[in-house]
PDB file of N, CA and C in Angstrom:
ATOM      1  N   MET A   1      -6.152  35.986  29.086  1.00  0.00           N
ATOM      2  CA  MET A   1      -6.709  35.917  27.748  1.00  0.00           C
ATOM      3  C   MET A   1      -7.023  34.464  27.416  1.00  0.00           C
ATOM      4  N   SER A   2      -8.071  34.273  26.685  1.00  0.00           N
ATOM      5  CA  SER A   2      -8.509  32.939  26.296  1.00  0.00           C
ATOM      6  C   SER A   2      -7.614  32.336  25.226  1.00  0.00           C
ATOM      7  N   LYS A   3      -7.572  31.011  25.224  1.00  0.00           N
ATOM      8  CA  LYS A   3      -6.819  30.275  24.207  1.00  0.00           C
ATOM      9  C   LYS A   3      -7.795  29.817  23.133  1.00  0.00           C
ATOM     10  N   MET A   4      -7.545  30.230  21.889  1.00  0.00           N
ATOM     11  CA  MET A   4      -8.438  29.877  20.780  1.00  0.00           C
ATOM     12  C   MET A   4      -7.687  29.040  19.756  1.00  0.00           C
ATOM     13  N   GLU A   5      -8.389  28.005  19.247  1.00  0.00           N
ATOM     14  CA  GLU A   5      -7.867  27.160  18.184  1.00  0.00           C
ATOM     15  C   GLU A   5      -8.953  26.988  17.135  1.00  0.00           C
ATOM     16  N   ILE A   6      -8.548  27.073  15.865  1.00  0.00           N
ATOM     17  CA  ILE A   6      -9.483  26.871  14.764  1.00  0.00           C
ATOM     18  C   ILE A   6      -9.008  25.666  13.964  1.00  0.00           C
ATOM     19  N   TYR A   7      -9.897  24.709  13.789  1.00  0.00           N
ATOM     20  CA  TYR A   7      -9.610  23.497  13.022  1.00  0.00           C
ATOM     21  C   TYR A   7     -10.356  23.606  11.698  1.00  0.00           C
ATOM     22  N   ASN A   8      -9.589  23.867  10.636  1.00  0.00           N
ATOM     23  CA  ASN A   8     -10.138  24.099   9.302  1.00  0.00           C
ATOM     24  C   ASN A   8     -10.289  22.811   8.506  1.00  0.00           C
ATOM     25  N   PRO A   9     -11.208  22.816   7.532  1.00  0.00           N
ATOM     26  CA  PRO A   9     -11.263  21.677   6.608  1.00  0.00           C
ATOM     27  C   PRO A   9     -10.000  21.641   5.758  1.00  0.00           C
ATOM     28  N   ALA A  10      -9.851  20.601   4.979  1.00  0.00           N
ATOM     29  CA  ALA A  10      -8.679  20.476   4.103  1.00  0.00           C
ATOM     30  C   ALA A  10      -8.680  21.609   3.083  1.00  0.00           C
ATOM     31  N   MET A  11      -7.554  22.315   3.006  1.00  0.00           N
ATOM     32  CA  MET A  11      -7.378  23.409   2.059  1.00  0.00           C
ATOM     33  C   MET A  11      -6.003  23.258   1.417  1.00  0.00           C
ATOM     34  N   CYS A  12      -5.822  23.858   0.248  1.00  0.00           N
ATOM     35  CA  CYS A  12      -4.555  23.676  -0.472  1.00  0.00           C
ATOM     36  C   CYS A  12      -3.401  24.463   0.152  1.00  0.00           C
ATOM     37  N   CYS A  13      -3.698  25.445   1.010  1.00  0.00           N
ATOM     38  CA  CYS A  13      -2.641  26.166   1.720  1.00  0.00           C
ATOM     39  C   CYS A  13      -3.127  26.436   3.141  1.00  0.00           C
ATOM     40  N   SER A  14      -2.281  26.985   3.977  1.00  0.00           N
ATOM     41  CA  SER A  14      -2.610  27.138   5.391  1.00  0.00           C
ATOM     42  C   SER A  14      -3.818  28.023   5.666  1.00  0.00           C
ATOM     43  N   THR A  15      -4.076  29.013   4.805  1.00  0.00           N
ATOM     44  CA  THR A  15      -5.184  29.937   5.040  1.00  0.00           C
ATOM     45  C   THR A  15      -6.385  29.685   4.146  1.00  0.00           C
ATOM     46  N   GLY A  16      -6.197  28.953   3.058  1.00  0.00           N
ATOM     47  CA  GLY A  16      -7.266  28.749   2.087  1.00  0.00           C
ATOM     48  C   GLY A  16      -7.406  29.912   1.121  1.00  0.00           C
ATOM     49  N   VAL A  17      -6.544  30.917   1.297  1.00  0.00           N
ATOM     50  CA  VAL A  17      -6.593  32.095   0.435  1.00  0.00           C
ATOM     51  C   VAL A  17      -5.610  31.875  -0.718  1.00  0.00           C
ATOM     52  N   CYS A  18      -5.989  30.972  -1.605  1.00  0.00           N
ATOM     53  CA  CYS A  18      -5.147  30.639  -2.745  1.00  0.00           C
ATOM     54  C   CYS A  18      -6.030  30.066  -3.849  1.00  0.00           C
ATOM     55  N   GLY A  19      -5.445  29.839  -4.969  1.00  0.00           N
ATOM     56  CA  GLY A  19      -6.201  29.251  -6.068  1.00  0.00           C
ATOM     57  C   GLY A  19      -6.970  30.296  -6.858  1.00  0.00           C
ATOM     58  N   PRO A  20      -7.665  29.853  -7.877  1.00  0.00           N
ATOM     59  CA  PRO A  20      -8.340  30.781  -8.791  1.00  0.00           C
ATOM     60  C   PRO A  20      -9.588  31.450  -8.217  1.00  0.00           C
ATOM     61  N   SER A  21     -10.326  30.784  -7.353  1.00  0.00           N
ATOM     62  CA  SER A  21     -11.517  31.406  -6.776  1.00  0.00           C
ATOM     63  C   SER A  21     -11.448  31.294  -5.259  1.00  0.00           C
ATOM     64  N   VAL A  22     -11.280  32.435  -4.606  1.00  0.00           N
ATOM     65  CA  VAL A  22     -11.073  32.472  -3.166  1.00  0.00           C
ATOM     66  C   VAL A  22     -12.388  32.802  -2.466  1.00  0.00           C
ATOM     67  N   ASN A  23     -12.707  32.052  -1.445  1.00  0.00           N
ATOM     68  CA  ASN A  23     -13.896  32.276  -0.639  1.00  0.00           C
ATOM     69  C   ASN A  23     -13.714  33.571   0.158  1.00  0.00           C
ATOM     70  N   PRO A  24     -14.609  34.559   0.002  1.00  0.00           N
ATOM     71  CA  PRO A  24     -14.488  35.830   0.726  1.00  0.00           C
ATOM     72  C   PRO A  24     -14.451  35.655   2.247  1.00  0.00           C
ATOM     73  N   GLU A  25     -15.094  34.628   2.752  1.00  0.00           N
ATOM     74  CA  GLU A  25     -15.082  34.381   4.198  1.00  0.00           C
ATOM     75  C   GLU A  25     -13.674  34.027   4.669  1.00  0.00           C
ATOM     76  N   LEU A  26     -12.929  33.290   3.834  1.00  0.00           N
ATOM     77  CA  LEU A  26     -11.554  32.951   4.190  1.00  0.00           C
ATOM     78  C   LEU A  26     -10.658  34.189   4.157  1.00  0.00           C
ATOM     79  N   ILE A  27     -10.936  35.108   3.250  1.00  0.00           N
ATOM     80  CA  ILE A  27     -10.188  36.369   3.213  1.00  0.00           C
ATOM     81  C   ILE A  27     -10.453  37.155   4.494  1.00  0.00           C
ATOM     82  N   ARG A  28     -11.718  37.212   4.917  1.00  0.00           N
ATOM     83  CA  ARG A  28     -12.063  37.933   6.152  1.00  0.00           C
ATOM     84  C   ARG A  28     -11.357  37.315   7.352  1.00  0.00           C
ATOM     85  N   VAL A  29     -11.401  35.992   7.464  1.00  0.00           N
ATOM     86  CA  VAL A  29     -10.768  35.310   8.596  1.00  0.00           C
ATOM     87  C   VAL A  29      -9.253  35.534   8.564  1.00  0.00           C
ATOM     88  N   ALA A  30      -8.637  35.477   7.386  1.00  0.00           N
ATOM     89  CA  ALA A  30      -7.201  35.732   7.282  1.00  0.00           C
ATOM     90  C   ALA A  30      -6.870  37.153   7.731  1.00  0.00           C
ATOM     91  N   ALA A  31      -7.719  38.117   7.376  1.00  0.00           N
ATOM     92  CA  ALA A  31      -7.509  39.508   7.791  1.00  0.00           C
ATOM     93  C   ALA A  31      -7.653  39.646   9.306  1.00  0.00           C
ATOM     94  N   VAL A  32      -8.631  38.964   9.883  1.00  0.00           N
ATOM     95  CA  VAL A  32      -8.815  38.990  11.339  1.00  0.00           C
ATOM     96  C   VAL A  32      -7.588  38.398  12.017  1.00  0.00           C
ATOM     97  N   MET A  33      -7.100  37.267  11.512  1.00  0.00           N
ATOM     98  CA  MET A  33      -5.939  36.612  12.104  1.00  0.00           C
ATOM     99  C   MET A  33      -4.707  37.519  12.040  1.00  0.00           C
ATOM    100  N   GLU A  34      -4.537  38.183  10.914  1.00  0.00           N
ATOM    101  CA  GLU A  34      -3.412  39.114  10.743  1.00  0.00           C
ATOM    102  C   GLU A  34      -3.524  40.271  11.731  1.00  0.00           C
ATOM    103  N   SER A  35      -4.713  40.819  11.873  1.00  0.00           N
ATOM    104  CA  SER A  35      -4.947  41.929  12.796  1.00  0.00           C
ATOM    105  C   SER A  35      -4.700  41.498  14.242  1.00  0.00           C
ATOM    106  N   LEU A  36      -5.192  40.336  14.599  1.00  0.00           N
ATOM    107  CA  LEU A  36      -4.961  39.824  15.951  1.00  0.00           C
ATOM    108  C   LEU A  36      -3.477  39.629  16.215  1.00  0.00           C
ATOM    109  N   SER A  37      -2.783  39.057  15.245  1.00  0.00           N
ATOM    110  CA  SER A  37      -1.352  38.826  15.379  1.00  0.00           C
ATOM    111  C   SER A  37      -0.593  40.142  15.578  1.00  0.00           C
ATOM    112  N   LYS A  38      -0.971  41.167  14.836  1.00  0.00           N
ATOM    113  CA  LYS A  38      -0.331  42.488  14.973  1.00  0.00           C
ATOM    114  C   LYS A  38      -0.568  43.088  16.348  1.00  0.00           C
ATOM    115  N   ASN A  39      -1.642  42.658  17.008  1.00  0.00           N
ATOM    116  CA  ASN A  39      -1.961  43.138  18.350  1.00  0.00           C
ATOM    117  C   ASN A  39      -1.475  42.174  19.433  1.00  0.00           C
ATOM    118  N   GLY A  40      -0.623  41.228  19.044  1.00  0.00           N
ATOM    119  CA  GLY A  40      -0.024  40.314  20.007  1.00  0.00           C
ATOM    120  C   GLY A  40      -0.931  39.202  20.484  1.00  0.00           C
ATOM    121  N   ILE A  41      -2.000  38.925  19.731  1.00  0.00           N
ATOM    122  CA  ILE A  41      -2.953  37.884  20.120  1.00  0.00           C
ATOM    123  C   ILE A  41      -2.786  36.700  19.184  1.00  0.00           C
ATOM    124  N   GLU A  42      -2.405  35.566  19.753  1.00  0.00           N
ATOM    125  CA  GLU A  42      -2.178  34.380  18.929  1.00  0.00           C
ATOM    126  C   GLU A  42      -3.389  33.465  18.942  1.00  0.00           C
ATOM    127  N   VAL A  43      -3.827  33.097  17.760  1.00  0.00           N
ATOM    128  CA  VAL A  43      -4.880  32.108  17.586  1.00  0.00           C
ATOM    129  C   VAL A  43      -4.266  30.987  16.760  1.00  0.00           C
ATOM    130  N   LYS A  44      -4.309  29.789  17.273  1.00  0.00           N
ATOM    131  CA  LYS A  44      -3.750  28.654  16.526  1.00  0.00           C
ATOM    132  C   LYS A  44      -4.776  28.208  15.496  1.00  0.00           C
ATOM    133  N   ARG A  45      -4.267  27.920  14.320  1.00  0.00           N
ATOM    134  CA  ARG A  45      -5.130  27.510  13.214  1.00  0.00           C
ATOM    135  C   ARG A  45      -4.531  26.267  12.571  1.00  0.00           C
ATOM    136  N   TYR A  46      -5.345  25.235  12.425  1.00  0.00           N
ATOM    137  CA  TYR A  46      -4.883  23.975  11.859  1.00  0.00           C
ATOM    138  C   TYR A  46      -5.667  23.647  10.598  1.00  0.00           C
ATOM    139  N   ASN A  47      -4.976  23.097   9.621  1.00  0.00           N
ATOM    140  CA  ASN A  47      -5.555  22.717   8.336  1.00  0.00           C
ATOM    141  C   ASN A  47      -5.531  21.189   8.261  1.00  0.00           C
ATOM    142  N   LEU A  48      -6.663  20.586   7.977  1.00  0.00           N
ATOM    143  CA  LEU A  48      -6.750  19.124   7.955  1.00  0.00           C
ATOM    144  C   LEU A  48      -5.752  18.486   6.996  1.00  0.00           C
ATOM    145  N   SER A  49      -5.494  19.132   5.853  1.00  0.00           N
ATOM    146  CA  SER A  49      -4.579  18.520   4.883  1.00  0.00           C
ATOM    147  C   SER A  49      -3.109  18.662   5.281  1.00  0.00           C
ATOM    148  N   SER A  50      -2.741  19.727   5.984  1.00  0.00           N
ATOM    149  CA  SER A  50      -1.327  19.907   6.328  1.00  0.00           C
ATOM    150  C   SER A  50      -1.021  19.638   7.803  1.00  0.00           C
ATOM    151  N   ASN A  51      -2.025  19.566   8.661  1.00  0.00           N
ATOM    152  CA  ASN A  51      -1.817  19.298  10.089  1.00  0.00           C
ATOM    153  C   ASN A  51      -2.749  18.193  10.601  1.00  0.00           C
ATOM    154  N   PRO A  52      -2.835  17.046   9.935  1.00  0.00           N
ATOM    155  CA  PRO A  52      -3.797  16.025  10.375  1.00  0.00           C
ATOM    156  C   PRO A  52      -3.550  15.531  11.793  1.00  0.00           C
ATOM    157  N   GLN A  53      -2.297  15.564  12.230  1.00  0.00           N
ATOM    158  CA  GLN A  53      -1.974  15.076  13.567  1.00  0.00           C
ATOM    159  C   GLN A  53      -2.638  15.924  14.648  1.00  0.00           C
ATOM    160  N   ALA A  54      -2.788  17.235  14.397  1.00  0.00           N
ATOM    161  CA  ALA A  54      -3.457  18.112  15.370  1.00  0.00           C
ATOM    162  C   ALA A  54      -4.909  17.689  15.587  1.00  0.00           C
ATOM    163  N   PHE A  55      -5.558  17.224  14.529  1.00  0.00           N
ATOM    164  CA  PHE A  55      -6.944  16.768  14.614  1.00  0.00           C
ATOM    165  C   PHE A  55      -7.031  15.459  15.395  1.00  0.00           C
ATOM    166  N   LEU A  56      -6.036  14.590  15.199  1.00  0.00           N
ATOM    167  CA  LEU A  56      -6.009  13.312  15.913  1.00  0.00           C
ATOM    168  C   LEU A  56      -5.665  13.502  17.385  1.00  0.00           C
ATOM    169  N   ASN A  57      -4.777  14.468  17.663  1.00  0.00           N
ATOM    170  CA  ASN A  57      -4.309  14.687  19.028  1.00  0.00           C
ATOM    171  C   ASN A  57      -5.322  15.413  19.905  1.00  0.00           C
ATOM    172  N   ASN A  58      -6.296  16.076  19.308  1.00  0.00           N
ATOM    173  CA  ASN A  58      -7.295  16.786  20.096  1.00  0.00           C
ATOM    174  C   ASN A  58      -8.531  15.886  20.230  1.00  0.00           C
ATOM    175  N   PRO A  59      -8.781  15.355  21.425  1.00  0.00           N
ATOM    176  CA  PRO A  59      -9.891  14.411  21.585  1.00  0.00           C
ATOM    177  C   PRO A  59     -11.263  15.024  21.276  1.00  0.00           C
ATOM    178  N   ILE A  60     -11.435  16.312  21.512  1.00  0.00           N
ATOM    179  CA  ILE A  60     -12.723  16.964  21.237  1.00  0.00           C
ATOM    180  C   ILE A  60     -12.976  16.998  19.734  1.00  0.00           C
ATOM    181  N   VAL A  61     -11.988  17.440  18.981  1.00  0.00           N
ATOM    182  CA  VAL A  61     -12.128  17.529  17.521  1.00  0.00           C
ATOM    183  C   VAL A  61     -12.215  16.132  16.922  1.00  0.00           C
ATOM    184  N   ASN A  62     -11.404  15.232  17.412  1.00  0.00           N
ATOM    185  CA  ASN A  62     -11.404  13.862  16.913  1.00  0.00           C
ATOM    186  C   ASN A  62     -12.786  13.231  17.081  1.00  0.00           C
ATOM    187  N   LYS A  63     -13.405  13.429  18.246  1.00  0.00           N
ATOM    188  CA  LYS A  63     -14.739  12.886  18.500  1.00  0.00           C
ATOM    189  C   LYS A  63     -15.766  13.495  17.540  1.00  0.00           C
ATOM    190  N   GLU A  64     -15.715  14.819  17.343  1.00  0.00           N
ATOM    191  CA  GLU A  64     -16.657  15.488  16.443  1.00  0.00           C
ATOM    192  C   GLU A  64     -16.516  14.962  15.016  1.00  0.00           C
ATOM    193  N   LEU A  65     -15.285  14.788  14.563  1.00  0.00           N
ATOM    194  CA  LEU A  65     -15.043  14.266  13.215  1.00  0.00           C
ATOM    195  C   LEU A  65     -15.570  12.843  13.081  1.00  0.00           C
ATOM    196  N   ASN A  66     -15.361  12.035  14.102  1.00  0.00           N
ATOM    197  CA  ASN A  66     -15.819  10.633  14.047  1.00  0.00           C
ATOM    198  C   ASN A  66     -17.332  10.515  14.090  1.00  0.00           C
ATOM    199  N   THR A  67     -18.006  11.429  14.772  1.00  0.00           N
ATOM    200  CA  THR A  67     -19.464  11.328  14.884  1.00  0.00           C
ATOM    201  C   THR A  67     -20.198  12.112  13.800  1.00  0.00           C
ATOM    202  N   LYS A  68     -19.641  13.260  13.382  1.00  0.00           N
ATOM    203  CA  LYS A  68     -20.352  14.126  12.438  1.00  0.00           C
ATOM    204  C   LYS A  68     -19.699  14.213  11.061  1.00  0.00           C
ATOM    205  N   GLY A  69     -18.455  13.767  10.955  1.00  0.00           N
ATOM    206  CA  GLY A  69     -17.747  13.836   9.678  1.00  0.00           C
ATOM    207  C   GLY A  69     -17.147  15.218   9.431  1.00  0.00           C
ATOM    208  N   VAL A  70     -16.530  15.377   8.260  1.00  0.00           N
ATOM    209  CA  VAL A  70     -15.809  16.618   7.958  1.00  0.00           C
ATOM    210  C   VAL A  70     -16.729  17.825   7.773  1.00  0.00           C
ATOM    211  N   LYS A  71     -18.027  17.595   7.632  1.00  0.00           N
ATOM    212  CA  LYS A  71     -18.957  18.725   7.491  1.00  0.00           C
ATOM    213  C   LYS A  71     -18.987  19.580   8.761  1.00  0.00           C
ATOM    214  N   VAL A  72     -18.479  19.061   9.873  1.00  0.00           N
ATOM    215  CA  VAL A  72     -18.447  19.801  11.128  1.00  0.00           C
ATOM    216  C   VAL A  72     -17.379  20.911  11.100  1.00  0.00           C
ATOM    217  N   LEU A  73     -16.437  20.798  10.175  1.00  0.00           N
ATOM    218  CA  LEU A  73     -15.354  21.783  10.075  1.00  0.00           C
ATOM    219  C   LEU A  73     -15.814  23.041   9.343  1.00  0.00           C
ATOM    220  N   PRO A  74     -15.314  24.186   9.694  1.00  0.00           N
ATOM    221  CA  PRO A  74     -14.332  24.459  10.746  1.00  0.00           C
ATOM    222  C   PRO A  74     -14.942  24.371  12.140  1.00  0.00           C
ATOM    223  N   VAL A  75     -14.082  23.991  13.090  1.00  0.00           N
ATOM    224  CA  VAL A  75     -14.459  23.939  14.497  1.00  0.00           C
ATOM    225  C   VAL A  75     -13.579  24.947  15.224  1.00  0.00           C
ATOM    226  N   THR A  76     -14.209  25.783  16.047  1.00  0.00           N
ATOM    227  CA  THR A  76     -13.456  26.741  16.856  1.00  0.00           C
ATOM    228  C   THR A  76     -13.598  26.343  18.314  1.00  0.00           C
ATOM    229  N   ILE A  77     -12.447  26.235  18.975  1.00  0.00           N
ATOM    230  CA  ILE A  77     -12.391  25.838  20.380  1.00  0.00           C
ATOM    231  C   ILE A  77     -11.785  26.992  21.180  1.00  0.00           C
ATOM    232  N   VAL A  78     -12.431  27.346  22.274  1.00  0.00           N
ATOM    233  CA  VAL A  78     -11.916  28.367  23.185  1.00  0.00           C
ATOM    234  C   VAL A  78     -11.796  27.732  24.565  1.00  0.00           C
ATOM    235  N   ASP A  79     -10.593  27.789  25.105  1.00  0.00           N
ATOM    236  CA  ASP A  79     -10.307  27.235  26.431  1.00  0.00           C
ATOM    237  C   ASP A  79     -10.832  25.803  26.578  1.00  0.00           C
ATOM    238  N   GLY A  80     -10.629  25.002  25.535  1.00  0.00           N
ATOM    239  CA  GLY A  80     -10.965  23.585  25.588  1.00  0.00           C
ATOM    240  C   GLY A  80     -12.413  23.237  25.311  1.00  0.00           C
ATOM    241  N   LYS A  81     -13.231  24.220  24.915  1.00  0.00           N
ATOM    242  CA  LYS A  81     -14.638  23.943  24.632  1.00  0.00           C
ATOM    243  C   LYS A  81     -15.004  24.442  23.247  1.00  0.00           C
ATOM    244  N   ILE A  82     -15.818  23.662  22.539  1.00  0.00           N
ATOM    245  CA  ILE A  82     -16.280  24.075  21.209  1.00  0.00           C
ATOM    246  C   ILE A  82     -17.242  25.245  21.372  1.00  0.00           C
ATOM    247  N   VAL A  83     -16.952  26.330  20.639  1.00  0.00           N
ATOM    248  CA  VAL A  83     -17.850  27.487  20.657  1.00  0.00           C
ATOM    249  C   VAL A  83     -18.583  27.646  19.333  1.00  0.00           C
ATOM    250  N   LYS A  84     -18.040  27.039  18.274  1.00  0.00           N
ATOM    251  CA  LYS A  84     -18.717  27.100  16.982  1.00  0.00           C
ATOM    252  C   LYS A  84     -18.184  25.979  16.093  1.00  0.00           C
ATOM    253  N   GLU A  85     -19.109  25.423  15.315  1.00  0.00           N
ATOM    254  CA  GLU A  85     -18.706  24.419  14.334  1.00  0.00           C
ATOM    255  C   GLU A  85     -19.470  24.659  13.036  1.00  0.00           C
ATOM    256  N   SER A  86     -18.930  24.139  11.955  1.00  0.00           N
ATOM    257  CA  SER A  86     -19.502  24.259  10.605  1.00  0.00           C
ATOM    258  C   SER A  86     -19.568  25.702  10.110  1.00  0.00           C
ATOM    259  N   GLY A  87     -18.718  26.561  10.625  1.00  0.00           N
ATOM    260  CA  GLY A  87     -18.663  27.951  10.176  1.00  0.00           C
ATOM    261  C   GLY A  87     -17.640  28.723  10.988  1.00  0.00           C
ATOM    262  N   TYR A  88     -17.217  29.858  10.437  1.00  0.00           N
ATOM    263  CA  TYR A  88     -16.231  30.695  11.121  1.00  0.00           C
ATOM    264  C   TYR A  88     -16.916  31.707  12.026  1.00  0.00           C
ATOM    265  N   LEU A  89     -16.213  32.111  13.074  1.00  0.00           N
ATOM    266  CA  LEU A  89     -16.720  33.136  13.977  1.00  0.00           C
ATOM    267  C   LEU A  89     -16.899  34.460  13.241  1.00  0.00           C
ATOM    268  N   THR A  90     -17.867  35.233  13.665  1.00  0.00           N
ATOM    269  CA  THR A  90     -17.998  36.606  13.175  1.00  0.00           C
ATOM    270  C   THR A  90     -16.915  37.433  13.858  1.00  0.00           C
ATOM    271  N   ASN A  91     -16.701  38.642  13.368  1.00  0.00           N
ATOM    272  CA  ASN A  91     -15.723  39.519  14.010  1.00  0.00           C
ATOM    273  C   ASN A  91     -16.113  39.787  15.465  1.00  0.00           C
ATOM    274  N   LYS A  92     -17.401  40.001  15.711  1.00  0.00           N
ATOM    275  CA  LYS A  92     -17.870  40.251  17.073  1.00  0.00           C
ATOM    276  C   LYS A  92     -17.621  39.038  17.962  1.00  0.00           C
ATOM    277  N   GLU A  93     -17.855  37.830  17.424  1.00  0.00           N
ATOM    278  CA  GLU A  93     -17.606  36.618  18.204  1.00  0.00           C
ATOM    279  C   GLU A  93     -16.120  36.471  18.530  1.00  0.00           C
ATOM    280  N   PHE A  94     -15.240  36.776  17.564  1.00  0.00           N
ATOM    281  CA  PHE A  94     -13.801  36.756  17.847  1.00  0.00           C
ATOM    282  C   PHE A  94     -13.504  37.656  19.035  1.00  0.00           C
ATOM    283  N   ALA A  95     -14.030  38.883  19.002  1.00  0.00           N
ATOM    284  CA  ALA A  95     -13.772  39.854  20.066  1.00  0.00           C
ATOM    285  C   ALA A  95     -14.286  39.355  21.416  1.00  0.00           C
ATOM    286  N   VAL A  96     -15.508  38.828  21.428  1.00  0.00           N
ATOM    287  CA  VAL A  96     -16.111  38.349  22.679  1.00  0.00           C
ATOM    288  C   VAL A  96     -15.320  37.178  23.249  1.00  0.00           C
ATOM    289  N   TYR A  97     -15.049  36.170  22.434  1.00  0.00           N
ATOM    290  CA  TYR A  97     -14.372  34.973  22.932  1.00  0.00           C
ATOM    291  C   TYR A  97     -12.929  35.224  23.326  1.00  0.00           C
ATOM    292  N   LEU A  98     -12.272  36.188  22.691  1.00  0.00           N
ATOM    293  CA  LEU A  98     -10.888  36.498  23.035  1.00  0.00           C
ATOM    294  C   LEU A  98     -10.791  37.583  24.102  1.00  0.00           C
ATOM    295  N   GLY A  99     -11.911  38.222  24.416  1.00  0.00           N
ATOM    296  CA  GLY A  99     -11.907  39.267  25.438  1.00  0.00           C
ATOM    297  C   GLY A  99     -11.160  40.512  25.008  1.00  0.00           C
ATOM    298  N   VAL A 100     -11.302  40.872  23.725  1.00  0.00           N
ATOM    299  CA  VAL A 100     -10.632  42.072  23.208  1.00  0.00           C
ATOM    300  C   VAL A 100     -11.676  43.022  22.623  1.00  0.00           C
ATOM    301  N   ASN A 101     -11.273  44.271  22.457  1.00  0.00           N
ATOM    302  CA  ASN A 101     -12.159  45.243  21.823  1.00  0.00           C
ATOM    303  C   ASN A 101     -12.301  44.918  20.352  1.00  0.00           C
ATOM    304  N   LEU A 102     -13.461  45.192  19.823  1.00  0.00           N
ATOM    305  CA  LEU A 102     -13.737  44.926  18.417  1.00  0.00           C
ATOM    306  C   LEU A 102     -12.781  45.691  17.509  1.00  0.00           C
ATOM    307  N   ASP A 103     -12.261  46.838  17.967  1.00  0.00           N
ATOM    308  CA  ASP A 103     -11.340  47.615  17.141  1.00  0.00           C
ATOM    309  C   ASP A 103      -9.996  46.913  16.938  1.00  0.00           C
ATOM    310  N   LYS A 104      -9.725  45.873  17.725  1.00  0.00           N
ATOM    311  CA  LYS A 104      -8.497  45.080  17.528  1.00  0.00           C
ATOM    312  C   LYS A 104      -8.655  44.096  16.371  1.00  0.00           C
ATOM    313  N   ILE A 105      -9.876  44.013  15.861  1.00  0.00           N
ATOM    314  CA  ILE A 105     -10.169  43.071  14.786  1.00  0.00           C
ATOM    315  C   ILE A 105     -10.557  43.859  13.543  1.00  0.00           C
ATOM    316  N   GLN A 106      -9.822  43.657  12.513  1.00  0.00           N
ATOM    317  CA  GLN A 106     -10.080  44.349  11.250  1.00  0.00           C
ATOM    318  C   GLN A 106     -11.301  43.737  10.591  1.00  0.00           C
ATOM    319  N   SER A 107     -12.310  44.546  10.336  1.00  0.00           N
ATOM    320  CA  SER A 107     -13.536  44.002   9.764  1.00  0.00           C
ATOM    321  C   SER A 107     -13.509  43.916   8.245  1.00  0.00           C
ATOM    322  N   THR A 108     -12.728  44.771   7.618  1.00  0.00           N
ATOM    323  CA  THR A 108     -12.626  44.748   6.163  1.00  0.00           C
ATOM    324  C   THR A 108     -11.161  44.594   5.793  1.00  0.00           C
ATOM    325  N   PRO A 109     -10.819  43.553   5.061  1.00  0.00           N
ATOM    326  CA  PRO A 109      -9.409  43.372   4.709  1.00  0.00           C
ATOM    327  C   PRO A 109      -8.921  44.492   3.808  1.00  0.00           C
ATOM    328  N   VAL A 110      -7.837  45.131   4.238  1.00  0.00           N
ATOM    329  CA  VAL A 110      -7.251  46.195   3.434  1.00  0.00           C
ATOM    330  C   VAL A 110      -6.348  45.586   2.373  1.00  0.00           C
ATOM    331  N   LYS A 111      -5.468  44.710   2.802  1.00  0.00           N
ATOM    332  CA  LYS A 111      -4.558  44.047   1.875  1.00  0.00           C
ATOM    333  C   LYS A 111      -4.508  42.563   2.234  1.00  0.00           C
ATOM    334  N   ALA A 112      -5.438  41.808   1.743  1.00  0.00           N
ATOM    335  CA  ALA A 112      -5.418  40.370   1.976  1.00  0.00           C
ATOM    336  C   ALA A 112      -4.368  39.760   1.065  1.00  0.00           C
ATOM    337  N   LYS A 113      -3.478  38.986   1.653  1.00  0.00           N
ATOM    338  CA  LYS A 113      -2.445  38.339   0.866  1.00  0.00           C
ATOM    339  C   LYS A 113      -3.033  37.093   0.221  1.00  0.00           C
ATOM    340  N   VAL A 114      -2.993  37.056  -1.076  1.00  0.00           N
ATOM    341  CA  VAL A 114      -3.485  35.894  -1.804  1.00  0.00           C
ATOM    342  C   VAL A 114      -2.273  35.076  -2.221  1.00  0.00           C
ATOM    343  N   HIS A 115      -2.248  33.855  -1.730  1.00  0.00           N
ATOM    344  CA  HIS A 115      -1.132  32.964  -2.040  1.00  0.00           C
ATOM    345  C   HIS A 115      -1.427  32.212  -3.329  1.00  0.00           C
ATOM    346  N   LYS A 116      -0.430  32.116  -4.156  1.00  0.00           N
ATOM    347  CA  LYS A 116      -0.598  31.327  -5.364  1.00  0.00           C
ATOM    348  C   LYS A 116      -0.225  29.891  -5.062  1.00  0.00           C
ATOM    349  N   CYS A 117      -0.981  29.001  -5.597  1.00  0.00           N
ATOM    350  CA  CYS A 117      -0.655  27.600  -5.429  1.00  0.00           C
ATOM    351  C   CYS A 117      -0.354  27.004  -6.806  1.00  0.00           C
ATOM    352  N   ASN A 118       0.225  25.881  -6.806  1.00  0.00           N
ATOM    353  CA  ASN A 118       0.609  25.218  -8.057  1.00  0.00           C
ATOM    354  C   ASN A 118      -0.361  24.104  -8.381  1.00  0.00           C
ATOM    355  N   CYS A 119      -1.642  24.426  -8.314  1.00  0.00           N
ATOM    356  CA  CYS A 119      -2.671  23.407  -8.501  1.00  0.00           C
ATOM    357  C   CYS A 119      -3.087  23.246  -9.947  1.00  0.00           C
ATOM    358  N   GLY A 120      -2.757  24.181 -10.785  1.00  0.00           N
ATOM    359  CA  GLY A 120      -3.160  24.099 -12.177  1.00  0.00           C
ATOM    360  C   GLY A 120      -4.378  24.943 -12.454  1.00  0.00           C
ATOM    361  N   ARG A 121      -4.823  24.927 -13.713  1.00  0.00           N
ATOM    362  CA  ARG A 121      -5.930  25.785 -14.135  1.00  0.00           C
ATOM    363  C   ARG A 121      -7.266  25.384 -13.529  1.00  0.00           C
ATOM    364  N   LYS A 122      -7.429  24.134 -13.166  1.00  0.00           N
ATOM    365  CA  LYS A 122      -8.709  23.670 -12.636  1.00  0.00           C
ATOM    366  C   LYS A 122      -8.849  23.908 -11.136  1.00  0.00           C
ATOM    367  N   GLY A 123      -7.832  24.461 -10.511  1.00  0.00           N
ATOM    368  CA  GLY A 123      -7.907  24.746  -9.072  1.00  0.00           C
ATOM    369  C   GLY A 123      -7.299  23.637  -8.251  1.00  0.00           C
ATOM    370  N   CYS A 124      -7.480  23.760  -6.972  1.00  0.00           N
ATOM    371  CA  CYS A 124      -6.853  22.825  -6.033  1.00  0.00           C
ATOM    372  C   CYS A 124      -7.750  21.642  -5.738  1.00  0.00           C
TER     373      CYS A 124
END
């Protein structure tokens, strides 16, 4: 099985599914990650605000950030190679890159966990 890592932009929590207005794409990705985890498939996910060292320690991501800036995030790496940047993988792309059936990936979140953050009324 392939090794996948996702390097996310700075978010107020590990998934970005928090605060007053949640990006539906982040809910979808969180649901995919949960589904993959339930099927024994681990995808590492790093958040620039809470895991900056992971970005520094990965020479591929570090180079992309230095040349293109934070607009390149999110960056998805499979087996040491960038497969997508500036956007999240589709469900089909997750399945293809991980070598799993699409049915292992939940396409519609049934119960997305929304984390509350202590950012205040104006958001994070």
